[in-house]
Amino acid sequence: MGFSCAAAFFNAASYKLVQENETIVLDNVECGVDAKSFTDCSYQFHHDCTHNEDVFLICQNTCKGKPFAFNLVDEYGHQTQSGKGLLLVHTLKSIEGATSGTVCGDKFNNIAAAVICKQMGHDHASSWTTKDHKGIQMMYPPIMNNVTCTDADALFGNCTYAFDHECTQDVYLTCETEEVTPNLCPAGSQFQDGTCQACPRNTFKALYIEG
């Protein structure tokens, strides 16, 4: 597809309306470590799948750091654009047969929240909490634990973590993105205190050279 790397893949029914309009074509796709193109892989055109098994793939134009992708889902398992929800991690590494799952709250801190929010395209984390493994959380296995970050401006690849599922408290994260208000005031004025106000005049000193 023209990308350089795969960051993660996962199975989900989060985009049900899109999936239901498509036909399942391939099943049992297997590519060996030496495969250089899809023609080197094996697959079947007949299937026994449902759309719950559809593959979602996250690609990267440049290969940077360890392959991880994060997103937030609401109480129904749908990806949310509000910046608030259950935190999921997707990776190429299979943990107990799963490549997607929740992030455990053990050792999770404010810096980790900030790093992950920025990786998802937000400006900062406003809050985070943990909840017992129930409700929508039961749809996803816990796969990442002991997330520890020490620099809020660093990439997630600089954080430490463990792949395990020994936890009952999953992370819920709230991220925020700053809204930039466009300046619609006429030239020579600026938006301040809710109105357009004239910019302060500049005072220039003239320099005269005799001769």
N, C-alpha and C. Protein backbone atom coordinates (compact mmCIF):
# COMPACT_ATOMS: atom_id res chain seq x y z
N MET A 1 0.82 -1.21 0.00
CA MET A 1 0.00 0.00 0.00
C MET A 1 0.85 1.26 0.00
N GLY A 2 2.18 1.07 -0.05
CA GLY A 2 3.06 2.22 -0.13
C GLY A 2 3.64 2.69 1.18
N PHE A 3 3.28 2.05 2.29
CA PHE A 3 3.85 2.42 3.59
C PHE A 3 5.16 1.67 3.82
N SER A 4 5.92 2.15 4.81
CA SER A 4 7.21 1.54 5.12
C SER A 4 7.10 0.48 6.21
N CYS A 5 6.17 0.68 7.15
CA CYS A 5 6.09 -0.22 8.31
C CYS A 5 4.64 -0.44 8.73
N ALA A 6 4.44 -1.55 9.40
CA ALA A 6 3.18 -1.80 10.11
C ALA A 6 3.41 -1.48 11.58
N ALA A 7 2.51 -0.69 12.15
CA ALA A 7 2.64 -0.34 13.57
C ALA A 7 1.88 -1.32 14.44
N ALA A 8 0.72 -1.78 13.97
CA ALA A 8 -0.09 -2.68 14.78
C ALA A 8 -1.24 -3.21 13.93
N PHE A 9 -1.87 -4.29 14.40
CA PHE A 9 -3.11 -4.75 13.80
C PHE A 9 -4.01 -5.28 14.91
N PHE A 10 -5.30 -5.27 14.65
CA PHE A 10 -6.23 -5.75 15.66
C PHE A 10 -7.54 -6.14 15.01
N ASN A 11 -8.33 -6.91 15.74
CA ASN A 11 -9.66 -7.31 15.31
C ASN A 11 -10.68 -6.54 16.14
N ALA A 12 -11.70 -6.01 15.51
CA ALA A 12 -12.70 -5.25 16.25
C ALA A 12 -13.96 -5.08 15.43
N ALA A 13 -15.04 -4.80 16.13
CA ALA A 13 -16.31 -4.50 15.47
C ALA A 13 -16.66 -3.04 15.71
N SER A 14 -15.63 -2.20 15.92
CA SER A 14 -15.86 -0.80 16.27
C SER A 14 -16.46 0.00 15.12
N TYR A 15 -16.24 -0.46 13.87
CA TYR A 15 -16.72 0.29 12.71
C TYR A 15 -17.77 -0.55 11.98
N LYS A 16 -18.75 -1.01 12.75
CA LYS A 16 -19.71 -1.98 12.25
C LYS A 16 -20.42 -1.51 10.98
N LEU A 17 -20.81 -0.23 10.93
CA LEU A 17 -21.54 0.26 9.77
C LEU A 17 -20.71 0.17 8.51
N VAL A 18 -19.38 0.37 8.64
CA VAL A 18 -18.50 0.26 7.48
C VAL A 18 -18.31 -1.21 7.11
N GLN A 19 -18.06 -2.03 8.09
CA GLN A 19 -17.77 -3.44 7.84
C GLN A 19 -18.95 -4.17 7.21
N GLU A 20 -20.17 -3.86 7.66
CA GLU A 20 -21.34 -4.58 7.17
C GLU A 20 -21.61 -4.33 5.69
N ASN A 21 -21.04 -3.26 5.15
CA ASN A 21 -21.22 -2.97 3.73
C ASN A 21 -20.17 -3.64 2.86
N GLU A 22 -19.22 -4.32 3.48
CA GLU A 22 -18.13 -4.96 2.73
C GLU A 22 -18.27 -6.48 2.79
N THR A 23 -17.70 -7.14 1.80
CA THR A 23 -17.72 -8.61 1.72
C THR A 23 -16.40 -9.17 2.23
N ILE A 24 -16.47 -10.19 3.05
CA ILE A 24 -15.26 -10.86 3.53
C ILE A 24 -14.68 -11.68 2.37
N VAL A 25 -13.44 -11.42 2.02
CA VAL A 25 -12.84 -12.04 0.84
C VAL A 25 -11.76 -13.03 1.22
N LEU A 26 -10.85 -12.65 2.14
CA LEU A 26 -9.70 -13.49 2.46
C LEU A 26 -9.79 -14.06 3.88
N ASP A 27 -9.19 -15.23 4.04
CA ASP A 27 -9.12 -15.87 5.36
C ASP A 27 -7.80 -16.63 5.44
N ASN A 28 -7.37 -16.88 6.67
CA ASN A 28 -6.16 -17.67 6.93
C ASN A 28 -4.94 -17.14 6.17
N VAL A 29 -4.75 -15.84 6.24
CA VAL A 29 -3.59 -15.22 5.60
C VAL A 29 -2.35 -15.49 6.44
N GLU A 30 -1.33 -16.06 5.82
CA GLU A 30 -0.08 -16.37 6.52
C GLU A 30 1.10 -15.93 5.67
N CYS A 31 1.99 -15.13 6.29
CA CYS A 31 3.20 -14.68 5.61
C CYS A 31 4.41 -15.09 6.44
N GLY A 32 5.37 -15.72 5.80
CA GLY A 32 6.58 -16.13 6.50
C GLY A 32 7.52 -14.96 6.72
N VAL A 33 8.54 -15.18 7.53
CA VAL A 33 9.49 -14.11 7.85
C VAL A 33 10.26 -13.65 6.61
N ASP A 34 10.33 -14.48 5.60
CA ASP A 34 11.08 -14.13 4.39
C ASP A 34 10.19 -13.51 3.31
N ALA A 35 8.91 -13.35 3.58
CA ALA A 35 7.99 -12.80 2.58
C ALA A 35 8.33 -11.35 2.26
N LYS A 36 8.45 -11.03 0.99
CA LYS A 36 8.77 -9.67 0.55
C LYS A 36 7.58 -8.96 -0.08
N SER A 37 6.60 -9.74 -0.51
CA SER A 37 5.37 -9.17 -1.07
C SER A 37 4.23 -10.11 -0.73
N PHE A 38 2.99 -9.63 -0.97
CA PHE A 38 1.83 -10.45 -0.61
C PHE A 38 1.77 -11.74 -1.42
N THR A 39 2.38 -11.75 -2.59
CA THR A 39 2.38 -12.97 -3.40
C THR A 39 3.20 -14.08 -2.76
N ASP A 40 4.03 -13.75 -1.77
CA ASP A 40 4.80 -14.77 -1.05
C ASP A 40 4.01 -15.36 0.11
N CYS A 41 2.79 -14.87 0.34
CA CYS A 41 1.97 -15.32 1.46
C CYS A 41 0.95 -16.35 0.98
N SER A 42 0.39 -17.08 1.92
CA SER A 42 -0.69 -18.02 1.60
C SER A 42 -2.00 -17.48 2.15
N TYR A 43 -3.13 -17.87 1.53
CA TYR A 43 -4.43 -17.37 1.96
C TYR A 43 -5.51 -18.23 1.31
N GLN A 44 -6.74 -18.00 1.75
CA GLN A 44 -7.89 -18.72 1.19
C GLN A 44 -8.97 -17.71 0.81
N PHE A 45 -9.71 -18.01 -0.28
CA PHE A 45 -10.80 -17.15 -0.69
C PHE A 45 -12.13 -17.55 -0.07
N HIS A 46 -12.20 -18.74 0.51
CA HIS A 46 -13.41 -19.12 1.24
C HIS A 46 -13.15 -18.90 2.74
N HIS A 47 -14.20 -18.69 3.51
CA HIS A 47 -13.99 -18.32 4.91
C HIS A 47 -15.13 -18.83 5.78
N ASP A 48 -14.85 -18.83 7.08
CA ASP A 48 -15.88 -19.13 8.08
C ASP A 48 -15.88 -18.02 9.13
N CYS A 49 -15.68 -16.78 8.67
CA CYS A 49 -15.52 -15.63 9.56
C CYS A 49 -16.81 -14.84 9.71
N THR A 50 -16.82 -13.99 10.72
CA THR A 50 -17.82 -12.93 10.85
C THR A 50 -17.05 -11.61 10.82
N HIS A 51 -17.75 -10.49 10.75
CA HIS A 51 -17.07 -9.19 10.71
C HIS A 51 -16.38 -8.86 12.03
N ASN A 52 -16.69 -9.58 13.09
CA ASN A 52 -15.96 -9.38 14.35
C ASN A 52 -14.51 -9.79 14.22
N GLU A 53 -14.18 -10.55 13.18
CA GLU A 53 -12.81 -11.01 12.97
C GLU A 53 -12.09 -10.20 11.90
N ASP A 54 -12.72 -9.15 11.40
CA ASP A 54 -12.06 -8.31 10.39
C ASP A 54 -10.77 -7.72 10.95
N VAL A 55 -9.77 -7.60 10.10
CA VAL A 55 -8.47 -7.08 10.51
C VAL A 55 -8.40 -5.58 10.28
N PHE A 56 -8.00 -4.84 11.30
CA PHE A 56 -7.71 -3.42 11.20
C PHE A 56 -6.19 -3.26 11.26
N LEU A 57 -5.65 -2.53 10.32
CA LEU A 57 -4.20 -2.41 10.20
C LEU A 57 -3.78 -0.95 10.35
N ILE A 58 -2.74 -0.73 11.13
CA ILE A 58 -2.20 0.62 11.33
C ILE A 58 -0.81 0.66 10.71
N CYS A 59 -0.64 1.51 9.70
CA CYS A 59 0.63 1.59 8.96
C CYS A 59 1.34 2.90 9.25
N GLN A 60 2.64 2.93 8.97
CA GLN A 60 3.46 4.13 9.16
C GLN A 60 4.24 4.43 7.89
N ASN A 61 4.36 5.73 7.59
CA ASN A 61 5.18 6.14 6.45
C ASN A 61 6.66 5.99 6.75
N THR A 62 7.02 6.19 8.01
CA THR A 62 8.42 6.03 8.43
C THR A 62 8.47 5.08 9.61
N CYS A 63 9.49 4.28 9.65
CA CYS A 63 9.65 3.32 10.74
C CYS A 63 10.36 4.01 11.90
N LYS A 64 9.63 4.22 12.98
CA LYS A 64 10.24 4.92 14.12
C LYS A 64 9.80 4.26 15.42
N GLY A 65 10.79 3.90 16.21
CA GLY A 65 10.51 3.35 17.53
C GLY A 65 9.84 1.99 17.47
N LYS A 66 9.37 1.57 18.61
CA LYS A 66 8.69 0.28 18.70
C LYS A 66 7.26 0.41 18.18
N PRO A 67 6.77 -0.64 17.50
CA PRO A 67 5.45 -0.53 16.86
C PRO A 67 4.30 -0.61 17.86
N PHE A 68 3.75 0.52 18.22
CA PHE A 68 2.60 0.59 19.11
C PHE A 68 1.62 1.61 18.57
N ALA A 69 0.36 1.38 18.83
CA ALA A 69 -0.67 2.37 18.53
C ALA A 69 -1.68 2.35 19.67
N PHE A 70 -2.17 3.52 20.03
CA PHE A 70 -3.16 3.63 21.10
C PHE A 70 -4.43 4.28 20.56
N ASN A 71 -5.55 3.95 21.16
CA ASN A 71 -6.79 4.67 20.88
C ASN A 71 -7.71 4.54 22.08
N LEU A 72 -8.78 5.34 22.06
CA LEU A 72 -9.75 5.35 23.15
C LEU A 72 -11.10 4.89 22.62
N VAL A 73 -11.80 4.07 23.40
CA VAL A 73 -13.12 3.60 22.99
C VAL A 73 -14.14 3.96 24.07
N ASP A 74 -15.40 4.10 23.64
CA ASP A 74 -16.46 4.44 24.59
C ASP A 74 -17.03 3.18 25.21
N GLU A 75 -18.14 3.32 25.91
CA GLU A 75 -18.73 2.19 26.63
C GLU A 75 -19.26 1.10 25.72
N TYR A 76 -19.39 1.40 24.41
CA TYR A 76 -19.88 0.41 23.46
C TYR A 76 -18.75 -0.20 22.63
N GLY A 77 -17.53 0.23 22.89
CA GLY A 77 -16.40 -0.27 22.14
C GLY A 77 -16.12 0.48 20.87
N HIS A 78 -16.81 1.61 20.64
CA HIS A 78 -16.60 2.42 19.44
C HIS A 78 -15.49 3.43 19.69
N GLN A 79 -14.65 3.60 18.70
CA GLN A 79 -13.58 4.59 18.85
C GLN A 79 -14.17 5.97 19.05
N THR A 80 -13.66 6.69 20.03
CA THR A 80 -14.19 8.00 20.35
C THR A 80 -13.26 9.10 19.89
N GLN A 81 -13.84 10.18 19.41
CA GLN A 81 -13.06 11.35 18.99
C GLN A 81 -13.06 12.43 20.06
N SER A 82 -13.71 12.15 21.19
CA SER A 82 -13.83 13.15 22.25
C SER A 82 -12.57 13.27 23.10
N GLY A 83 -11.64 12.33 22.93
CA GLY A 83 -10.43 12.36 23.75
C GLY A 83 -10.63 11.75 25.12
N LYS A 84 -11.70 10.99 25.30
CA LYS A 84 -12.00 10.42 26.61
C LYS A 84 -12.53 9.01 26.45
N GLY A 85 -11.95 8.04 27.19
CA GLY A 85 -12.46 6.68 27.11
C GLY A 85 -11.49 5.66 27.65
N LEU A 86 -11.83 4.40 27.42
CA LEU A 86 -10.98 3.27 27.82
C LEU A 86 -9.77 3.22 26.91
N LEU A 87 -8.58 3.16 27.49
CA LEU A 87 -7.34 3.16 26.72
C LEU A 87 -7.03 1.76 26.21
N LEU A 88 -6.84 1.65 24.90
CA LEU A 88 -6.45 0.39 24.28
C LEU A 88 -5.09 0.54 23.63
N VAL A 89 -4.32 -0.53 23.64
CA VAL A 89 -3.03 -0.56 22.96
C VAL A 89 -3.07 -1.66 21.90
N HIS A 90 -2.47 -1.38 20.74
CA HIS A 90 -2.40 -2.33 19.63
C HIS A 90 -0.93 -2.50 19.25
N THR A 91 -0.54 -3.72 19.01
CA THR A 91 0.87 -4.00 18.72
C THR A 91 0.97 -5.17 17.77
N LEU A 92 2.15 -5.41 17.26
CA LEU A 92 2.39 -6.57 16.41
C LEU A 92 2.71 -7.81 17.23
N LYS A 93 2.99 -7.62 18.50
CA LYS A 93 3.36 -8.74 19.37
C LYS A 93 2.10 -9.40 19.92
N SER A 94 2.01 -10.71 19.79
CA SER A 94 0.86 -11.43 20.29
C SER A 94 1.05 -11.77 21.77
N ILE A 95 0.11 -11.32 22.61
CA ILE A 95 0.16 -11.60 24.04
C ILE A 95 -0.97 -12.54 24.37
N GLU A 96 -0.63 -13.78 24.66
CA GLU A 96 -1.65 -14.79 24.94
C GLU A 96 -2.66 -14.85 23.79
N GLY A 97 -2.16 -14.71 22.55
CA GLY A 97 -3.02 -14.79 21.38
C GLY A 97 -3.71 -13.50 20.99
N ALA A 98 -3.46 -12.40 21.72
CA ALA A 98 -4.11 -11.13 21.42
C ALA A 98 -3.08 -10.08 21.05
N THR A 99 -3.41 -9.25 20.07
CA THR A 99 -2.54 -8.14 19.69
C THR A 99 -3.13 -6.80 20.13
N SER A 100 -4.31 -6.82 20.71
CA SER A 100 -4.96 -5.62 21.21
C SER A 100 -5.52 -5.88 22.60
N GLY A 101 -5.49 -4.86 23.43
CA GLY A 101 -6.04 -5.03 24.76
C GLY A 101 -5.93 -3.76 25.58
N THR A 102 -6.25 -3.88 26.84
CA THR A 102 -6.26 -2.72 27.73
C THR A 102 -4.88 -2.51 28.36
N VAL A 103 -4.72 -1.34 28.95
CA VAL A 103 -3.49 -0.99 29.67
C VAL A 103 -3.81 -1.00 31.16
N CYS A 104 -3.04 -1.76 31.92
CA CYS A 104 -3.27 -1.86 33.36
C CYS A 104 -2.78 -0.61 34.08
N GLY A 105 -3.38 -0.33 35.21
CA GLY A 105 -3.06 0.88 35.94
C GLY A 105 -1.87 0.79 36.86
N ASP A 106 -1.27 -0.41 37.02
CA ASP A 106 -0.11 -0.55 37.91
C ASP A 106 1.03 0.32 37.42
N LYS A 107 1.55 1.18 38.29
CA LYS A 107 2.68 2.08 38.03
C LYS A 107 2.37 3.18 37.01
N PHE A 108 1.16 3.20 36.46
CA PHE A 108 0.80 4.25 35.50
C PHE A 108 0.83 5.60 36.21
N ASN A 109 1.32 6.65 35.52
CA ASN A 109 1.45 7.95 36.17
C ASN A 109 1.05 9.08 35.22
N ASN A 110 1.10 10.30 35.72
CA ASN A 110 0.69 11.46 34.92
C ASN A 110 1.55 11.65 33.68
N ILE A 111 2.84 11.33 33.80
CA ILE A 111 3.74 11.48 32.66
C ILE A 111 3.38 10.47 31.57
N ALA A 112 3.07 9.25 31.97
CA ALA A 112 2.65 8.24 31.00
C ALA A 112 1.38 8.68 30.28
N ALA A 113 0.46 9.27 31.02
CA ALA A 113 -0.78 9.76 30.42
C ALA A 113 -0.48 10.85 29.39
N ALA A 114 0.44 11.76 29.71
CA ALA A 114 0.81 12.84 28.80
C ALA A 114 1.45 12.30 27.54
N VAL A 115 2.37 11.36 27.67
CA VAL A 115 3.08 10.79 26.52
C VAL A 115 2.09 10.10 25.58
N ILE A 116 1.18 9.31 26.13
CA ILE A 116 0.24 8.55 25.31
C ILE A 116 -0.76 9.49 24.63
N CYS A 117 -1.23 10.52 25.35
CA CYS A 117 -2.14 11.49 24.72
C CYS A 117 -1.47 12.16 23.53
N LYS A 118 -0.21 12.55 23.69
CA LYS A 118 0.51 13.20 22.59
C LYS A 118 0.69 12.24 21.42
N GLN A 119 0.94 10.96 21.71
CA GLN A 119 1.11 10.00 20.64
C GLN A 119 -0.19 9.83 19.84
N MET A 120 -1.33 10.06 20.50
CA MET A 120 -2.61 9.95 19.82
C MET A 120 -3.00 11.25 19.12
N GLY A 121 -2.13 12.28 19.18
CA GLY A 121 -2.38 13.52 18.48
C GLY A 121 -2.99 14.63 19.30
N HIS A 122 -3.12 14.42 20.61
CA HIS A 122 -3.65 15.47 21.48
C HIS A 122 -2.50 16.30 22.06
N ASP A 123 -2.83 17.40 22.70
CA ASP A 123 -1.81 18.28 23.27
C ASP A 123 -1.35 17.83 24.65
N HIS A 124 -2.28 17.36 25.46
CA HIS A 124 -1.91 16.95 26.81
C HIS A 124 -3.00 16.08 27.42
N ALA A 125 -2.67 15.47 28.55
CA ALA A 125 -3.65 14.69 29.31
C ALA A 125 -4.22 15.56 30.42
N SER A 126 -5.53 15.55 30.56
CA SER A 126 -6.14 16.34 31.63
C SER A 126 -6.43 15.50 32.86
N SER A 127 -6.66 14.18 32.66
CA SER A 127 -6.90 13.31 33.82
C SER A 127 -6.85 11.85 33.38
N TRP A 128 -6.72 10.98 34.34
CA TRP A 128 -6.82 9.54 34.08
C TRP A 128 -7.27 8.85 35.36
N THR A 129 -7.85 7.68 35.20
CA THR A 129 -8.30 6.91 36.35
C THR A 129 -8.27 5.44 35.99
N THR A 130 -8.53 4.58 36.93
CA THR A 130 -8.60 3.15 36.67
C THR A 130 -9.96 2.63 37.14
N LYS A 131 -10.43 1.57 36.47
CA LYS A 131 -11.70 0.95 36.84
C LYS A 131 -11.55 -0.55 36.82
N ASP A 132 -12.41 -1.22 37.60
CA ASP A 132 -12.42 -2.67 37.64
C ASP A 132 -12.72 -3.24 36.26
N HIS A 133 -12.23 -4.44 36.01
CA HIS A 133 -12.39 -5.09 34.71
C HIS A 133 -13.82 -5.59 34.56
N LYS A 134 -14.68 -4.72 34.00
CA LYS A 134 -16.09 -5.09 33.79
C LYS A 134 -16.66 -4.24 32.67
N GLY A 135 -17.89 -4.55 32.26
CA GLY A 135 -18.51 -3.80 31.17
C GLY A 135 -17.75 -3.97 29.87
N ILE A 136 -17.50 -2.86 29.16
CA ILE A 136 -16.80 -2.91 27.89
C ILE A 136 -15.41 -3.49 28.04
N GLN A 137 -14.83 -3.35 29.22
CA GLN A 137 -13.48 -3.87 29.44
C GLN A 137 -13.42 -5.39 29.25
N MET A 138 -14.54 -6.08 29.45
CA MET A 138 -14.55 -7.53 29.31
C MET A 138 -14.36 -7.97 27.86
N MET A 139 -14.50 -7.02 26.90
CA MET A 139 -14.29 -7.37 25.50
C MET A 139 -12.82 -7.42 25.13
N TYR A 140 -11.96 -6.85 25.99
CA TYR A 140 -10.54 -6.74 25.66
C TYR A 140 -9.70 -7.34 26.78
N PRO A 141 -8.71 -8.16 26.45
CA PRO A 141 -7.83 -8.70 27.49
C PRO A 141 -6.81 -7.64 27.91
N PRO A 142 -6.43 -7.61 29.17
CA PRO A 142 -5.33 -6.72 29.57
C PRO A 142 -4.01 -7.28 29.05
N ILE A 143 -3.24 -6.48 28.30
CA ILE A 143 -1.99 -7.01 27.74
C ILE A 143 -0.76 -6.19 28.11
N MET A 144 -0.95 -4.95 28.58
CA MET A 144 0.22 -4.13 28.91
C MET A 144 0.11 -3.66 30.36
N ASN A 145 1.22 -3.75 31.08
CA ASN A 145 1.21 -3.43 32.51
C ASN A 145 2.49 -2.68 32.88
N ASN A 146 2.47 -2.08 34.08
CA ASN A 146 3.65 -1.41 34.64
C ASN A 146 4.24 -0.35 33.70
N VAL A 147 3.36 0.43 33.07
CA VAL A 147 3.83 1.50 32.18
C VAL A 147 4.41 2.63 33.02
N THR A 148 5.67 2.96 32.75
CA THR A 148 6.36 4.02 33.50
C THR A 148 7.09 4.93 32.52
N CYS A 149 6.77 6.22 32.56
CA CYS A 149 7.43 7.21 31.71
C CYS A 149 8.02 8.30 32.61
N THR A 150 9.18 8.82 32.21
CA THR A 150 9.86 9.82 33.03
C THR A 150 9.98 11.18 32.35
N ASP A 151 9.64 11.26 31.05
CA ASP A 151 9.76 12.51 30.31
C ASP A 151 8.50 12.71 29.48
N ALA A 152 7.72 13.74 29.81
CA ALA A 152 6.44 13.98 29.14
C ALA A 152 6.61 14.36 27.67
N ASP A 153 7.81 14.80 27.27
CA ASP A 153 8.04 15.23 25.90
C ASP A 153 8.69 14.14 25.05
N ALA A 154 8.94 12.98 25.65
CA ALA A 154 9.59 11.88 24.93
C ALA A 154 8.55 11.00 24.24
N LEU A 155 9.01 10.13 23.35
CA LEU A 155 8.14 9.18 22.69
C LEU A 155 7.85 8.01 23.61
N PHE A 156 6.77 7.28 23.32
CA PHE A 156 6.43 6.15 24.17
C PHE A 156 7.52 5.08 24.17
N GLY A 157 8.31 5.02 23.10
CA GLY A 157 9.38 4.04 23.04
C GLY A 157 10.42 4.21 24.13
N ASN A 158 10.44 5.40 24.77
CA ASN A 158 11.39 5.64 25.86
C ASN A 158 10.82 5.26 27.22
N CYS A 159 9.57 4.84 27.25
CA CYS A 159 8.95 4.40 28.50
C CYS A 159 9.23 2.91 28.72
N THR A 160 9.04 2.46 29.94
CA THR A 160 9.17 1.04 30.24
C THR A 160 7.79 0.46 30.48
N TYR A 161 7.66 -0.84 30.26
CA TYR A 161 6.36 -1.50 30.39
C TYR A 161 6.59 -3.01 30.41
N ALA A 162 5.56 -3.74 30.67
CA ALA A 162 5.64 -5.20 30.65
C ALA A 162 4.41 -5.74 29.94
N PHE A 163 4.58 -6.82 29.20
CA PHE A 163 3.46 -7.50 28.58
C PHE A 163 2.98 -8.60 29.52
N ASP A 164 1.91 -8.35 30.21
CA ASP A 164 1.29 -9.39 31.03
C ASP A 164 -0.16 -9.03 31.27
N HIS A 165 -0.90 -9.95 31.81
CA HIS A 165 -2.33 -9.74 31.99
C HIS A 165 -2.74 -9.92 33.45
N GLU A 166 -1.80 -9.74 34.36
CA GLU A 166 -2.10 -9.90 35.78
C GLU A 166 -2.60 -8.58 36.35
N CYS A 167 -3.81 -8.19 36.00
CA CYS A 167 -4.36 -6.96 36.55
C CYS A 167 -5.87 -6.95 36.46
N THR A 168 -6.50 -6.16 37.28
CA THR A 168 -7.96 -6.02 37.27
C THR A 168 -8.39 -4.57 37.11
N GLN A 169 -7.43 -3.64 37.08
CA GLN A 169 -7.73 -2.21 36.98
C GLN A 169 -7.20 -1.67 35.65
N ASP A 170 -8.11 -1.28 34.75
CA ASP A 170 -7.73 -0.76 33.44
C ASP A 170 -7.72 0.76 33.45
N VAL A 171 -6.89 1.34 32.60
CA VAL A 171 -6.74 2.80 32.53
C VAL A 171 -7.82 3.43 31.64
N TYR A 172 -8.47 4.45 32.16
CA TYR A 172 -9.35 5.33 31.40
C TYR A 172 -8.66 6.69 31.33
N LEU A 173 -8.60 7.25 30.12
CA LEU A 173 -7.77 8.43 29.90
C LEU A 173 -8.60 9.56 29.29
N THR A 174 -8.31 10.78 29.72
CA THR A 174 -8.94 11.96 29.13
C THR A 174 -7.85 12.87 28.58
N CYS A 175 -7.86 13.08 27.26
CA CYS A 175 -6.88 13.93 26.59
C CYS A 175 -7.57 15.19 26.09
N GLU A 176 -6.80 16.25 25.91
CA GLU A 176 -7.35 17.51 25.41
C GLU A 176 -6.47 18.07 24.31
N THR A 177 -7.12 18.76 23.39
CA THR A 177 -6.42 19.44 22.30
C THR A 177 -6.80 20.90 22.34
N GLU A 178 -5.82 21.77 22.34
CA GLU A 178 -6.08 23.21 22.42
C GLU A 178 -6.75 23.68 21.14
N GLU A 179 -7.80 24.45 21.30
CA GLU A 179 -8.48 25.05 20.14
C GLU A 179 -7.89 26.43 19.86
N VAL A 180 -7.52 26.66 18.62
CA VAL A 180 -6.95 27.94 18.22
C VAL A 180 -8.06 28.81 17.62
N THR A 181 -8.30 29.96 18.23
CA THR A 181 -9.33 30.87 17.74
C THR A 181 -8.75 31.73 16.62
N PRO A 182 -9.33 31.65 15.43
CA PRO A 182 -8.79 32.45 14.32
C PRO A 182 -8.99 33.94 14.57
N ASN A 183 -8.05 34.75 14.11
CA ASN A 183 -8.15 36.20 14.25
C ASN A 183 -8.93 36.75 13.06
N LEU A 184 -10.18 37.13 13.32
CA LEU A 184 -11.05 37.64 12.26
C LEU A 184 -11.19 39.15 12.34
N CYS A 185 -10.34 39.79 13.11
CA CYS A 185 -10.41 41.24 13.26
C CYS A 185 -9.75 41.92 12.06
N PRO A 186 -10.15 43.14 11.74
CA PRO A 186 -9.54 43.87 10.61
C PRO A 186 -8.09 44.22 10.89
N ALA A 187 -7.37 44.52 9.84
CA ALA A 187 -5.96 44.89 9.98
C ALA A 187 -5.82 46.05 10.95
N GLY A 188 -4.78 45.98 11.78
CA GLY A 188 -4.53 47.04 12.74
C GLY A 188 -5.25 46.84 14.06
N SER A 189 -5.94 45.69 14.19
CA SER A 189 -6.62 45.39 15.45
C SER A 189 -6.39 43.94 15.82
N GLN A 190 -6.71 43.58 17.05
CA GLN A 190 -6.52 42.23 17.54
C GLN A 190 -7.68 41.85 18.44
N PHE A 191 -7.95 40.53 18.53
CA PHE A 191 -9.05 40.05 19.37
C PHE A 191 -8.57 39.95 20.81
N GLN A 192 -9.22 40.69 21.70
CA GLN A 192 -8.82 40.71 23.09
C GLN A 192 -10.04 41.00 23.96
N ASP A 193 -10.17 40.22 25.03
CA ASP A 193 -11.29 40.39 25.97
C ASP A 193 -12.64 40.33 25.27
N GLY A 194 -12.74 39.44 24.27
CA GLY A 194 -14.02 39.21 23.62
C GLY A 194 -14.38 40.17 22.51
N THR A 195 -13.52 41.15 22.20
CA THR A 195 -13.82 42.13 21.13
C THR A 195 -12.56 42.44 20.34
N CYS A 196 -12.75 43.06 19.17
CA CYS A 196 -11.63 43.53 18.37
C CYS A 196 -11.19 44.89 18.90
N GLN A 197 -9.92 44.99 19.24
CA GLN A 197 -9.40 46.24 19.79
C GLN A 197 -8.21 46.69 18.96
N ALA A 198 -8.07 48.01 18.83
CA ALA A 198 -6.97 48.56 18.03
C ALA A 198 -5.64 48.19 18.65
N CYS A 199 -4.71 47.82 17.79
CA CYS A 199 -3.37 47.49 18.27
C CYS A 199 -2.70 48.77 18.76
N PRO A 200 -1.86 48.69 19.77
CA PRO A 200 -1.16 49.88 20.25
C PRO A 200 -0.21 50.40 19.17
N ARG A 201 -0.16 51.75 19.05
CA ARG A 201 0.70 52.34 18.03
C ARG A 201 2.16 52.15 18.39
N ASN A 202 2.96 51.87 17.37
CA ASN A 202 4.40 51.78 17.58
C ASN A 202 5.03 53.16 17.49
N THR A 203 6.03 53.42 18.27
CA THR A 203 6.76 54.69 18.26
C THR A 203 8.12 54.45 17.62
N PHE A 204 8.39 55.14 16.52
CA PHE A 204 9.65 54.96 15.82
C PHE A 204 10.51 56.19 15.99
N LYS A 205 11.79 55.98 16.15
CA LYS A 205 12.74 57.07 16.22
C LYS A 205 13.41 57.23 14.85
N ALA A 206 13.36 58.43 14.32
CA ALA A 206 13.97 58.67 13.02
C ALA A 206 15.46 58.96 13.20
N LEU A 207 16.22 58.45 12.29
CA LEU A 207 17.67 58.67 12.33
C LEU A 207 18.05 59.51 11.11
N TYR A 208 18.55 60.68 11.35
CA TYR A 208 18.96 61.57 10.27
C TYR A 208 20.49 61.57 10.17
N ILE A 209 20.96 61.48 8.95
CA ILE A 209 22.41 61.52 8.73
C ILE A 209 22.74 62.78 7.94
N GLU A 210 23.52 63.61 8.53
CA GLU A 210 23.88 64.85 7.85
C GLU A 210 25.02 64.59 6.87
N GLY A 211 25.06 65.38 5.88
CA GLY A 211 26.16 65.29 4.95
C GLY A 211 25.70 65.16 3.52
